[in-house]
N, C-alpha and C. Protein backbone atom coordinates (compact mmCIF):
# COMPACT_ATOMS: atom_id res chain seq x y z
N SER A 1 14.66 -154.15 114.42
CA SER A 1 15.53 -155.01 113.61
C SER A 1 16.07 -156.15 114.47
N PRO A 2 16.29 -157.30 113.89
CA PRO A 2 16.76 -158.46 114.65
C PRO A 2 18.20 -158.27 115.13
N LEU A 3 18.52 -158.96 116.19
CA LEU A 3 19.87 -158.93 116.75
C LEU A 3 20.81 -159.72 115.84
N SER A 4 21.98 -159.15 115.59
CA SER A 4 22.96 -159.84 114.75
C SER A 4 24.36 -159.69 115.34
N VAL A 5 25.30 -160.36 114.74
CA VAL A 5 26.69 -160.30 115.19
C VAL A 5 27.21 -158.86 115.17
N GLU A 6 26.76 -158.07 114.21
CA GLU A 6 27.23 -156.70 114.09
C GLU A 6 26.92 -155.85 115.32
N HIS A 7 25.93 -156.23 116.10
CA HIS A 7 25.62 -155.51 117.33
C HIS A 7 26.73 -155.66 118.37
N PHE A 8 27.56 -156.67 118.24
CA PHE A 8 28.60 -156.96 119.22
C PHE A 8 30.00 -156.62 118.73
N LEU A 9 30.12 -156.10 117.52
CA LEU A 9 31.42 -155.75 116.97
C LEU A 9 31.73 -154.28 117.24
N LYS A 10 32.99 -154.01 117.52
CA LYS A 10 33.43 -152.63 117.69
C LYS A 10 34.10 -152.19 116.40
N LYS A 11 33.68 -151.07 115.89
CA LYS A 11 34.27 -150.55 114.66
C LYS A 11 35.33 -149.52 115.02
N SER A 12 36.49 -149.64 114.41
CA SER A 12 37.60 -148.71 114.64
C SER A 12 38.13 -148.22 113.30
N SER A 13 38.60 -147.00 113.30
CA SER A 13 39.22 -146.43 112.11
C SER A 13 40.70 -146.27 112.37
N ILE A 14 41.50 -146.66 111.41
CA ILE A 14 42.94 -146.45 111.48
C ILE A 14 43.28 -145.40 110.44
N ILE A 15 43.84 -144.31 110.91
CA ILE A 15 44.12 -143.19 110.03
C ILE A 15 45.62 -142.93 110.02
N SER A 16 46.14 -142.69 108.85
CA SER A 16 47.56 -142.34 108.76
C SER A 16 47.69 -141.00 108.06
N MET A 17 48.83 -140.36 108.30
CA MET A 17 49.07 -139.04 107.72
C MET A 17 50.56 -138.91 107.46
N SER A 18 50.88 -138.23 106.40
CA SER A 18 52.29 -137.99 106.09
C SER A 18 52.87 -136.97 107.07
N ARG A 19 54.17 -136.92 107.15
CA ARG A 19 54.84 -135.94 108.01
C ARG A 19 54.42 -134.52 107.60
N LYS A 20 54.37 -134.28 106.30
CA LYS A 20 53.97 -132.95 105.80
C LYS A 20 52.54 -132.62 106.22
N GLY A 21 51.64 -133.60 106.10
CA GLY A 21 50.26 -133.39 106.51
C GLY A 21 50.15 -133.06 107.98
N LEU A 22 50.91 -133.77 108.80
CA LEU A 22 50.90 -133.51 110.24
C LEU A 22 51.42 -132.11 110.54
N GLU A 23 52.48 -131.72 109.85
CA GLU A 23 53.03 -130.37 110.05
C GLU A 23 52.01 -129.30 109.65
N GLU A 24 51.20 -129.59 108.65
CA GLU A 24 50.22 -128.60 108.17
C GLU A 24 49.03 -128.45 109.11
N ILE A 25 48.54 -129.54 109.69
CA ILE A 25 47.31 -129.44 110.50
C ILE A 25 47.45 -129.95 111.93
N GLY A 26 48.65 -130.33 112.33
CA GLY A 26 48.85 -130.91 113.66
C GLY A 26 48.45 -130.00 114.79
N ARG A 27 48.84 -128.75 114.72
CA ARG A 27 48.51 -127.82 115.81
C ARG A 27 47.00 -127.63 115.95
N GLU A 28 46.31 -127.56 114.82
CA GLU A 28 44.85 -127.43 114.86
C GLU A 28 44.21 -128.70 115.44
N CYS A 29 44.75 -129.85 115.09
CA CYS A 29 44.24 -131.12 115.64
C CYS A 29 44.39 -131.15 117.15
N ALA A 30 45.56 -130.73 117.62
CA ALA A 30 45.81 -130.70 119.07
C ALA A 30 44.87 -129.73 119.76
N LEU A 31 44.63 -128.59 119.15
CA LEU A 31 43.72 -127.60 119.73
C LEU A 31 42.30 -128.15 119.84
N ILE A 32 41.82 -128.77 118.77
CA ILE A 32 40.47 -129.35 118.79
C ILE A 32 40.38 -130.46 119.83
N ALA A 33 41.40 -131.32 119.89
CA ALA A 33 41.40 -132.40 120.87
C ALA A 33 41.34 -131.84 122.28
N ASN A 34 42.08 -130.78 122.54
CA ASN A 34 42.08 -130.16 123.86
C ASN A 34 40.71 -129.58 124.20
N ILE A 35 40.10 -128.88 123.26
CA ILE A 35 38.78 -128.29 123.48
C ILE A 35 37.74 -129.37 123.77
N GLU A 36 37.86 -130.51 123.10
CA GLU A 36 36.90 -131.60 123.29
C GLU A 36 37.24 -132.49 124.49
N GLY A 37 38.32 -132.17 125.19
CA GLY A 37 38.69 -132.94 126.38
C GLY A 37 39.36 -134.26 126.05
N LEU A 38 39.88 -134.39 124.84
CA LEU A 38 40.54 -135.63 124.42
C LEU A 38 42.05 -135.47 124.65
N HIS A 39 42.44 -135.48 125.91
CA HIS A 39 43.81 -135.14 126.29
C HIS A 39 44.84 -136.13 125.77
N ALA A 40 44.52 -137.40 125.73
CA ALA A 40 45.46 -138.38 125.18
C ALA A 40 45.66 -138.17 123.68
N HIS A 41 44.62 -137.78 122.99
CA HIS A 41 44.73 -137.50 121.55
C HIS A 41 45.62 -136.26 121.34
N LYS A 42 45.42 -135.25 122.18
CA LYS A 42 46.26 -134.05 122.08
C LYS A 42 47.72 -134.42 122.30
N LYS A 43 47.97 -135.20 123.33
CA LYS A 43 49.35 -135.60 123.64
C LYS A 43 49.95 -136.40 122.49
N SER A 44 49.17 -137.27 121.90
CA SER A 44 49.64 -138.08 120.78
C SER A 44 50.07 -137.21 119.60
N VAL A 45 49.29 -136.18 119.31
CA VAL A 45 49.63 -135.29 118.19
C VAL A 45 50.85 -134.45 118.54
N THR A 46 50.86 -133.85 119.73
CA THR A 46 51.96 -132.95 120.07
C THR A 46 53.28 -133.69 120.19
N MET A 47 53.26 -134.94 120.58
CA MET A 47 54.50 -135.73 120.64
C MET A 47 55.09 -135.94 119.25
N ARG A 48 54.24 -135.96 118.24
CA ARG A 48 54.70 -136.21 116.87
C ARG A 48 55.12 -134.93 116.14
N LEU A 49 54.77 -133.78 116.70
CA LEU A 49 55.11 -132.51 116.03
C LEU A 49 56.58 -132.16 116.18
């Protein structure tokens, strides 16, 4: 396929969650982040709990 501008763009997702949603799945999110070695993600979740 030919080279296009899309080859040079970075795609990011912005996700939001309600306080209730975080309380329901936050601990599991932190656990998964820890298992996958995503320590900053784990810290981000645990700081919000």
